[in-house]
Amino acid sequence: MLVHRGTPCTPTEIGHRLVAHADQIAVLEKGLTEDLNVARPSDALVRIAVSADSLATWIPPALAGQSGVLFDVLIDDQDHADELLRKSAVSAALTSKGARVQGSDIHALGNLRYIATASPGFVAKHFPDGPTAEAFRLAPAMTFNQKDALQKQWVQKITGKKIDLPTHYMASTHAFIDAALLGIGWGMNPAALVGAHIKSGRLVAIDETVPLDVPLYWQISRIAAKPLAGLTRAIKREAKMQLIQTGTLSGGTRD
């Protein structure tokens, strides 16, 4: 069975794999028509998985200028996006894991820096003695969804303790920032998006000495690697310009 009956109908696991297979065939046809220098009747649909924060910051310039493709961008947490690639649900994924998915090439990109931020009033109210474990147990945090562990990771990094955080759930990068500006809660925000707010004083870093750097890797199916080589080059170019390069990330095209 390929489809679950319902309103709306949804693909079964086999249905998802069939759609992914058709997409991969379209990508291969794109590469073949380019090699043969013949026109293709329609653009290939390329399904990729990236995090919401990367899509809101550095990914769009890499997608610009890619000819002969239409992008279907799936939003998934960088800690979990490799599962979509493993299931062949996407041709490529942005992951935080340096372990290569079988049948894929991996490219180390750099680190996306996050800063724990909140409004000055929120910090004064909830962190009068600084970022203590007790303060984090009471101060409302903001979490993207159930997969988002960035807030807990940073709190453990700064306090040395695993703490259950009271949290709002807001599945939007820009809503995170708006909510922080309004004093609703604190959250881990991409440095590129909150730098101006910190400079103006509308947001403050809860601890400016302790950022959270998330390593990112571009993993792409080897079937799609050649026809999408231009996309991979663009991803690596933008990453070099916009991500933090430490020289410590591991990863190459093949094991």
C-alpha atoms as a PDB file:
ATOM      1  CA  MET A   1       0.000   0.000   0.000  1.00  0.00           C
ATOM      2  CA  LEU A   2       1.381   3.394  -1.003  1.00  0.00           C
ATOM      3  CA  VAL A   3      -1.149   5.765   0.583  1.00  0.00           C
ATOM      4  CA  HIS A   4      -2.949   6.006   3.920  1.00  0.00           C
ATOM      5  CA  ARG A   5      -6.601   6.890   3.367  1.00  0.00           C
ATOM      6  CA  GLY A   6      -7.699  10.022   5.139  1.00  0.00           C
ATOM      7  CA  THR A   7      -8.246  13.759   4.791  1.00  0.00           C
ATOM      8  CA  PRO A   8      -5.780  14.469   3.413  1.00  0.00           C
ATOM      9  CA  CYS A   9      -4.316  11.191   2.188  1.00  0.00           C
ATOM     10  CA  THR A  10      -0.721  10.628   3.296  1.00  0.00           C
ATOM     11  CA  PRO A  11       2.023   8.394   1.883  1.00  0.00           C
ATOM     12  CA  THR A  12       2.994   5.195   3.648  1.00  0.00           C
ATOM     13  CA  GLU A  13       6.662   4.473   4.356  1.00  0.00           C
ATOM     14  CA  ILE A  14       6.859   2.653   1.016  1.00  0.00           C
ATOM     15  CA  GLY A  15       5.072   5.562  -0.624  1.00  0.00           C
ATOM     16  CA  HIS A  16       7.658   7.998   0.734  1.00  0.00           C
ATOM     17  CA  ARG A  17      10.446   5.787  -0.615  1.00  0.00           C
ATOM     18  CA  LEU A  18       8.790   5.618  -4.039  1.00  0.00           C
ATOM     19  CA  VAL A  19       8.511   9.419  -4.179  1.00  0.00           C
ATOM     20  CA  ALA A  20      12.143   9.751  -3.091  1.00  0.00           C
ATOM     21  CA  HIS A  21      13.182   7.256  -5.780  1.00  0.00           C
ATOM     22  CA  ALA A  22      11.365   9.260  -8.449  1.00  0.00           C
ATOM     23  CA  ASP A  23      13.064  12.441  -7.237  1.00  0.00           C
ATOM     24  CA  GLN A  24      16.488  10.784  -7.402  1.00  0.00           C
ATOM     25  CA  ILE A  25      15.792   9.606 -10.953  1.00  0.00           C
ATOM     26  CA  ALA A  26      14.915  13.202 -11.881  1.00  0.00           C
ATOM     27  CA  VAL A  27      18.196  14.406 -10.380  1.00  0.00           C
ATOM     28  CA  LEU A  28      20.127  11.775 -12.356  1.00  0.00           C
ATOM     29  CA  GLU A  29      18.327  12.834 -15.538  1.00  0.00           C
ATOM     30  CA  LYS A  30      19.382  16.409 -14.814  1.00  0.00           C
ATOM     31  CA  GLY A  31      23.027  15.344 -14.675  1.00  0.00           C
ATOM     32  CA  LEU A  32      22.727  13.258 -17.826  1.00  0.00           C
ATOM     33  CA  THR A  33      21.101  16.009 -19.881  1.00  0.00           C
ATOM     34  CA  GLU A  34      23.827  18.413 -18.751  1.00  0.00           C
ATOM     35  CA  ASP A  35      26.531  15.930 -19.767  1.00  0.00           C
ATOM     36  CA  LEU A  36      24.869  15.449 -23.156  1.00  0.00           C
ATOM     37  CA  ASN A  37      24.174  19.177 -23.524  1.00  0.00           C
ATOM     38  CA  VAL A  38      20.512  18.607 -24.360  1.00  0.00           C
ATOM     39  CA  ALA A  39      17.463  20.373 -23.017  1.00  0.00           C
ATOM     40  CA  ARG A  40      15.456  18.798 -20.216  1.00  0.00           C
ATOM     41  CA  PRO A  41      11.668  19.223 -20.440  1.00  0.00           C
ATOM     42  CA  SER A  42      11.289  20.287 -16.801  1.00  0.00           C
ATOM     43  CA  ASP A  43      13.345  21.198 -13.747  1.00  0.00           C
ATOM     44  CA  ALA A  44      14.301  18.442 -11.316  1.00  0.00           C
ATOM     45  CA  LEU A  45      12.775  18.516  -7.838  1.00  0.00           C
ATOM     46  CA  VAL A  46      15.554  18.345  -5.236  1.00  0.00           C
ATOM     47  CA  ARG A  47      14.506  17.545  -1.684  1.00  0.00           C
ATOM     48  CA  ILE A  48      16.954  18.626   1.044  1.00  0.00           C
ATOM     49  CA  ALA A  49      16.749  18.851   4.837  1.00  0.00           C
ATOM     50  CA  VAL A  50      18.143  21.831   6.744  1.00  0.00           C
ATOM     51  CA  SER A  51      17.536  23.423  10.132  1.00  0.00           C
ATOM     52  CA  ALA A  52      15.212  26.402  10.471  1.00  0.00           C
ATOM     53  CA  ASP A  53      18.064  28.541  11.803  1.00  0.00           C
ATOM     54  CA  SER A  54      20.323  27.766   8.838  1.00  0.00           C
ATOM     55  CA  LEU A  55      17.462  28.475   6.436  1.00  0.00           C
ATOM     56  CA  ALA A  56      16.944  31.823   8.176  1.00  0.00           C
ATOM     57  CA  THR A  57      20.611  32.779   7.970  1.00  0.00           C
ATOM     58  CA  TRP A  58      23.121  31.376   5.500  1.00  0.00           C
ATOM     59  CA  ILE A  59      21.459  28.712   3.317  1.00  0.00           C
ATOM     60  CA  PRO A  60      19.382  30.882   0.882  1.00  0.00           C
ATOM     61  CA  PRO A  61      22.403  32.444  -0.887  1.00  0.00           C
ATOM     62  CA  ALA A  62      23.662  28.927  -1.612  1.00  0.00           C
ATOM     63  CA  LEU A  63      20.359  28.007  -3.256  1.00  0.00           C
ATOM     64  CA  ALA A  64      20.304  31.136  -5.395  1.00  0.00           C
ATOM     65  CA  GLY A  65      21.604  30.695  -8.895  1.00  0.00           C
ATOM     66  CA  GLN A  66      21.152  26.911  -9.030  1.00  0.00           C
ATOM     67  CA  SER A  67      19.701  26.269 -12.469  1.00  0.00           C
ATOM     68  CA  GLY A  68      17.560  23.351 -13.573  1.00  0.00           C
ATOM     69  CA  VAL A  69      16.278  22.507 -10.090  1.00  0.00           C
ATOM     70  CA  LEU A  70      13.290  23.224  -7.892  1.00  0.00           C
ATOM     71  CA  PHE A  71      13.954  22.904  -4.158  1.00  0.00           C
ATOM     72  CA  ASP A  72      11.717  21.155  -1.658  1.00  0.00           C
ATOM     73  CA  VAL A  73      13.318  22.250   1.618  1.00  0.00           C
ATOM     74  CA  LEU A  74      12.325  20.183   4.637  1.00  0.00           C
ATOM     75  CA  ILE A  75      12.889  21.691   8.074  1.00  0.00           C
ATOM     76  CA  ASP A  76      14.465  19.332  10.577  1.00  0.00           C
ATOM     77  CA  ASP A  77      16.768  19.649  13.560  1.00  0.00           C
ATOM     78  CA  GLN A  78      20.426  19.233  12.637  1.00  0.00           C
ATOM     79  CA  ASP A  79      20.725  16.484  15.271  1.00  0.00           C
ATOM     80  CA  HIS A  80      18.074  14.400  13.493  1.00  0.00           C
ATOM     81  CA  ALA A  81      18.212  15.290   9.779  1.00  0.00           C
ATOM     82  CA  ASP A  82      20.559  12.383   9.028  1.00  0.00           C
ATOM     83  CA  GLU A  83      17.591  10.039   9.553  1.00  0.00           C
ATOM     84  CA  LEU A  84      15.835  11.559   6.538  1.00  0.00           C
ATOM     85  CA  LEU A  85      18.916  10.902   4.424  1.00  0.00           C
ATOM     86  CA  ARG A  86      19.212   7.369   5.809  1.00  0.00           C
ATOM     87  CA  LYS A  87      15.600   6.696   4.761  1.00  0.00           C
ATOM     88  CA  SER A  88      16.250   8.224   1.294  1.00  0.00           C
ATOM     89  CA  ALA A  89      13.581  10.826   2.023  1.00  0.00           C
ATOM     90  CA  VAL A  90      15.998  13.574   0.915  1.00  0.00           C
ATOM     91  CA  SER A  91      18.950  13.813  -1.453  1.00  0.00           C
ATOM     92  CA  ALA A  92      21.033  15.835   1.009  1.00  0.00           C
ATOM     93  CA  ALA A  93      20.869  16.967   4.614  1.00  0.00           C
ATOM     94  CA  LEU A  94      22.516  19.467   6.917  1.00  0.00           C
ATOM     95  CA  THR A  95      23.535  17.558  10.044  1.00  0.00           C
ATOM     96  CA  SER A  96      25.477  18.114  13.244  1.00  0.00           C
ATOM     97  CA  LYS A  97      26.888  14.595  13.186  1.00  0.00           C
ATOM     98  CA  GLY A  98      30.287  13.858  11.686  1.00  0.00           C
ATOM     99  CA  ALA A  99      29.437  10.186  11.133  1.00  0.00           C
ATOM    100  CA  ARG A 100      28.754   9.601   7.443  1.00  0.00           C
ATOM    101  CA  VAL A 101      25.404   8.129   6.490  1.00  0.00           C
ATOM    102  CA  GLN A 102      25.970   4.974   4.446  1.00  0.00           C
ATOM    103  CA  GLY A 103      25.871   5.702   0.729  1.00  0.00           C
ATOM    104  CA  SER A 104      26.547   9.408   1.186  1.00  0.00           C
ATOM    105  CA  ASP A 105      29.422  11.855   0.943  1.00  0.00           C
ATOM    106  CA  ILE A 106      30.104  14.192   3.859  1.00  0.00           C
ATOM    107  CA  HIS A 107      31.583  17.693   3.886  1.00  0.00           C
ATOM    108  CA  ALA A 108      32.575  19.512   7.086  1.00  0.00           C
ATOM    109  CA  LEU A 109      31.283  23.101   6.906  1.00  0.00           C
ATOM    110  CA  GLY A 110      32.020  24.943  10.148  1.00  0.00           C
ATOM    111  CA  ASN A 111      30.157  25.984  13.293  1.00  0.00           C
ATOM    112  CA  LEU A 112      26.906  27.917  13.603  1.00  0.00           C
ATOM    113  CA  ARG A 113      27.262  30.092  16.711  1.00  0.00           C
ATOM    114  CA  TYR A 114      24.386  30.552  19.139  1.00  0.00           C
ATOM    115  CA  ILE A 115      24.093  33.057  21.978  1.00  0.00           C
ATOM    116  CA  ALA A 116      21.735  32.703  24.938  1.00  0.00           C
ATOM    117  CA  THR A 117      19.755  35.943  24.841  1.00  0.00           C
ATOM    118  CA  ALA A 118      16.849  37.645  26.569  1.00  0.00           C
ATOM    119  CA  SER A 119      15.531  41.152  27.128  1.00  0.00           C
ATOM    120  CA  PRO A 120      17.279  43.302  29.766  1.00  0.00           C
ATOM    121  CA  GLY A 121      14.133  43.272  31.901  1.00  0.00           C
ATOM    122  CA  PHE A 122      13.859  39.486  31.718  1.00  0.00           C
ATOM    123  CA  VAL A 123      17.476  39.048  32.781  1.00  0.00           C
ATOM    124  CA  ALA A 124      17.079  41.508  35.663  1.00  0.00           C
ATOM    125  CA  LYS A 125      13.981  39.657  36.885  1.00  0.00           C
ATOM    126  CA  HIS A 126      15.054  36.048  36.420  1.00  0.00           C
ATOM    127  CA  PHE A 127      18.850  36.170  36.697  1.00  0.00           C
ATOM    128  CA  PRO A 128      19.582  38.737  39.450  1.00  0.00           C
ATOM    129  CA  ASP A 129      22.463  36.580  40.695  1.00  0.00           C
ATOM    130  CA  GLY A 130      23.615  35.540  37.239  1.00  0.00           C
ATOM    131  CA  PRO A 131      23.019  32.319  35.286  1.00  0.00           C
ATOM    132  CA  THR A 132      22.698  29.923  38.220  1.00  0.00           C
ATOM    133  CA  ALA A 133      21.187  26.444  38.134  1.00  0.00           C
ATOM    134  CA  GLU A 134      18.336  27.588  40.381  1.00  0.00           C
ATOM    135  CA  ALA A 135      17.561  30.517  38.080  1.00  0.00           C
ATOM    136  CA  PHE A 136      17.320  28.204  35.058  1.00  0.00           C
ATOM    137  CA  ARG A 137      14.887  25.953  36.935  1.00  0.00           C
ATOM    138  CA  LEU A 138      12.484  28.900  37.200  1.00  0.00           C
ATOM    139  CA  ALA A 139      13.119  31.171  34.193  1.00  0.00           C
ATOM    140  CA  PRO A 140      10.921  30.340  31.162  1.00  0.00           C
ATOM    141  CA  ALA A 141      13.018  29.171  28.232  1.00  0.00           C
ATOM    142  CA  MET A 142      12.011  28.915  24.573  1.00  0.00           C
ATOM    143  CA  THR A 143      12.301  25.660  22.642  1.00  0.00           C
ATOM    144  CA  PHE A 144      11.732  25.193  18.907  1.00  0.00           C
ATOM    145  CA  ASN A 145      10.155  21.726  19.258  1.00  0.00           C
ATOM    146  CA  GLN A 146      10.659  18.424  21.046  1.00  0.00           C
ATOM    147  CA  LYS A 147      13.822  17.742  19.031  1.00  0.00           C
ATOM    148  CA  ASP A 148      15.495  21.010  20.039  1.00  0.00           C
ATOM    149  CA  ALA A 149      18.121  20.366  22.722  1.00  0.00           C
ATOM    150  CA  LEU A 150      20.199  23.546  22.340  1.00  0.00           C
ATOM    151  CA  GLN A 151      18.890  25.249  25.475  1.00  0.00           C
ATOM    152  CA  LYS A 152      19.521  22.177  27.638  1.00  0.00           C
ATOM    153  CA  GLN A 153      22.970  21.672  26.108  1.00  0.00           C
ATOM    154  CA  TRP A 154      23.996  25.243  26.881  1.00  0.00           C
ATOM    155  CA  VAL A 155      22.625  25.153  30.432  1.00  0.00           C
ATOM    156  CA  GLN A 156      24.541  21.948  31.109  1.00  0.00           C
ATOM    157  CA  LYS A 157      27.653  23.537  29.617  1.00  0.00           C
ATOM    158  CA  ILE A 158      27.399  26.607  31.841  1.00  0.00           C
ATOM    159  CA  THR A 159      26.191  24.975  35.082  1.00  0.00           C
ATOM    160  CA  GLY A 160      27.534  21.443  34.763  1.00  0.00           C
ATOM    161  CA  LYS A 161      24.046  20.109  35.524  1.00  0.00           C
ATOM    162  CA  LYS A 162      21.192  18.563  33.560  1.00  0.00           C
ATOM    163  CA  ILE A 163      18.156  20.711  34.314  1.00  0.00           C
ATOM    164  CA  ASP A 164      14.517  20.321  33.314  1.00  0.00           C
ATOM    165  CA  LEU A 165      13.718  23.738  31.902  1.00  0.00           C
ATOM    166  CA  PRO A 166      10.268  25.344  32.012  1.00  0.00           C
ATOM    167  CA  THR A 167       9.734  26.238  28.379  1.00  0.00           C
ATOM    168  CA  HIS A 168       7.542  27.791  25.734  1.00  0.00           C
ATOM    169  CA  TYR A 169       7.468  25.956  22.377  1.00  0.00           C
ATOM    170  CA  MET A 170       7.848  28.220  19.347  1.00  0.00           C
ATOM    171  CA  ALA A 171       8.614  26.587  16.014  1.00  0.00           C
ATOM    172  CA  SER A 172       9.951  29.706  14.317  1.00  0.00           C
ATOM    173  CA  THR A 173      13.426  31.203  14.257  1.00  0.00           C
ATOM    174  CA  HIS A 174      12.148  34.767  14.067  1.00  0.00           C
ATOM    175  CA  ALA A 175       9.450  34.139  16.698  1.00  0.00           C
ATOM    176  CA  PHE A 176      12.263  33.133  19.055  1.00  0.00           C
ATOM    177  CA  ILE A 177      13.839  36.544  18.633  1.00  0.00           C
ATOM    178  CA  ASP A 178      10.550  38.440  18.804  1.00  0.00           C
ATOM    179  CA  ALA A 179       9.598  36.583  21.979  1.00  0.00           C
ATOM    180  CA  ALA A 180      12.970  37.351  23.534  1.00  0.00           C
ATOM    181  CA  LEU A 181      12.577  41.037  22.680  1.00  0.00           C
ATOM    182  CA  LEU A 182       9.156  41.031  24.350  1.00  0.00           C
ATOM    183  CA  GLY A 183      10.460  39.394  27.515  1.00  0.00           C
ATOM    184  CA  ILE A 184       8.532  36.150  27.061  1.00  0.00           C
ATOM    185  CA  GLY A 185      11.528  33.915  27.641  1.00  0.00           C
ATOM    186  CA  TRP A 186      15.194  33.271  26.948  1.00  0.00           C
ATOM    187  CA  GLY A 187      16.582  31.146  24.142  1.00  0.00           C
ATOM    188  CA  MET A 188      19.552  30.170  22.028  1.00  0.00           C
ATOM    189  CA  ASN A 189      19.568  32.441  18.981  1.00  0.00           C
ATOM    190  CA  PRO A 190      21.946  32.509  15.999  1.00  0.00           C
ATOM    191  CA  ALA A 191      24.574  35.170  16.625  1.00  0.00           C
ATOM    192  CA  ALA A 192      24.068  36.517  13.105  1.00  0.00           C
ATOM    193  CA  LEU A 193      20.429  37.347  13.869  1.00  0.00           C
ATOM    194  CA  VAL A 194      20.797  38.912  17.315  1.00  0.00           C
ATOM    195  CA  GLY A 195      24.054  40.845  16.980  1.00  0.00           C
ATOM    196  CA  ALA A 196      22.327  44.119  16.100  1.00  0.00           C
ATOM    197  CA  HIS A 197      19.808  43.720  18.941  1.00  0.00           C
ATOM    198  CA  ILE A 198      22.613  43.099  21.437  1.00  0.00           C
ATOM    199  CA  LYS A 199      24.505  46.123  20.140  1.00  0.00           C
ATOM    200  CA  SER A 200      21.407  48.323  20.524  1.00  0.00           C
ATOM    201  CA  GLY A 201      20.728  47.013  24.027  1.00  0.00           C
ATOM    202  CA  ARG A 202      17.327  45.510  23.182  1.00  0.00           C
ATOM    203  CA  LEU A 203      18.721  42.057  23.944  1.00  0.00           C
ATOM    204  CA  VAL A 204      21.494  40.977  26.276  1.00  0.00           C
ATOM    205  CA  ALA A 205      23.593  37.835  26.390  1.00  0.00           C
ATOM    206  CA  ILE A 206      22.894  35.859  29.547  1.00  0.00           C
ATOM    207  CA  ASP A 207      26.592  34.961  29.579  1.00  0.00           C
ATOM    208  CA  GLU A 208      28.507  36.609  26.753  1.00  0.00           C
ATOM    209  CA  THR A 209      31.625  34.557  27.525  1.00  0.00           C
ATOM    210  CA  VAL A 210      29.949  31.222  26.759  1.00  0.00           C
ATOM    211  CA  PRO A 211      28.483  30.844  23.258  1.00  0.00           C
ATOM    212  CA  LEU A 212      27.329  27.499  21.873  1.00  0.00           C
ATOM    213  CA  ASP A 213      28.961  26.480  18.606  1.00  0.00           C
ATOM    214  CA  VAL A 214      27.103  23.772  16.668  1.00  0.00           C
ATOM    215  CA  PRO A 215      29.176  21.880  14.074  1.00  0.00           C
ATOM    216  CA  LEU A 216      27.485  21.457  10.705  1.00  0.00           C
ATOM    217  CA  TYR A 217      28.063  18.913   7.952  1.00  0.00           C
ATOM    218  CA  TRP A 218      26.626  18.642   4.464  1.00  0.00           C
ATOM    219  CA  GLN A 219      25.762  15.031   3.699  1.00  0.00           C
ATOM    220  CA  ILE A 220      24.633  14.194   0.188  1.00  0.00           C
ATOM    221  CA  SER A 221      23.596  10.933  -1.419  1.00  0.00           C
ATOM    222  CA  ARG A 222      26.302   9.636  -3.734  1.00  0.00           C
ATOM    223  CA  ILE A 223      23.633   9.052  -6.362  1.00  0.00           C
ATOM    224  CA  ALA A 224      22.939  12.795  -6.365  1.00  0.00           C
ATOM    225  CA  ALA A 225      26.487  13.992  -5.648  1.00  0.00           C
ATOM    226  CA  LYS A 226      27.573  14.514  -9.270  1.00  0.00           C
ATOM    227  CA  PRO A 227      24.424  16.196 -10.663  1.00  0.00           C
ATOM    228  CA  LEU A 228      24.239  18.382  -7.535  1.00  0.00           C
ATOM    229  CA  ALA A 229      27.952  19.195  -7.411  1.00  0.00           C
ATOM    230  CA  GLY A 230      27.182  22.864  -8.068  1.00  0.00           C
ATOM    231  CA  LEU A 231      24.892  22.989  -5.051  1.00  0.00           C
ATOM    232  CA  THR A 232      27.530  21.373  -2.856  1.00  0.00           C
ATOM    233  CA  ARG A 233      30.119  23.919  -4.011  1.00  0.00           C
ATOM    234  CA  ALA A 234      27.709  26.752  -3.195  1.00  0.00           C
ATOM    235  CA  ILE A 235      26.945  25.294   0.247  1.00  0.00           C
ATOM    236  CA  LYS A 236      30.664  25.031   1.030  1.00  0.00           C
ATOM    237  CA  ARG A 237      31.320  28.559  -0.267  1.00  0.00           C
ATOM    238  CA  GLU A 238      28.610  30.143   1.881  1.00  0.00           C
ATOM    239  CA  ALA A 239      29.641  28.095   4.901  1.00  0.00           C
ATOM    240  CA  LYS A 240      33.222  29.294   4.570  1.00  0.00           C
ATOM    241  CA  MET A 241      32.027  32.899   4.551  1.00  0.00           C
ATOM    242  CA  GLN A 242      29.304  32.744   7.192  1.00  0.00           C
ATOM    243  CA  LEU A 243      30.107  29.923   9.616  1.00  0.00           C
ATOM    244  CA  ILE A 244      32.891  29.881  12.190  1.00  0.00           C
ATOM    245  CA  GLN A 245      35.889  28.005  10.856  1.00  0.00           C
ATOM    246  CA  THR A 246      37.891  26.334  13.607  1.00  0.00           C
ATOM    247  CA  GLY A 247      39.884  23.808  11.630  1.00  0.00           C
ATOM    248  CA  THR A 248      38.812  21.086  14.065  1.00  0.00           C
ATOM    249  CA  LEU A 249      35.875  19.587  12.188  1.00  0.00           C
ATOM    250  CA  SER A 250      36.445  16.201  10.624  1.00  0.00           C
ATOM    251  CA  GLY A 251      34.847  14.970   7.451  1.00  0.00           C
ATOM    252  CA  GLY A 252      35.583  14.379   3.795  1.00  0.00           C
ATOM    253  CA  THR A 253      33.871  13.150   0.701  1.00  0.00           C
ATOM    254  CA  ARG A 254      34.540   9.460   1.335  1.00  0.00           C
ATOM    255  CA  ASP A 255      35.553   7.089   4.086  1.00  0.00           C
END
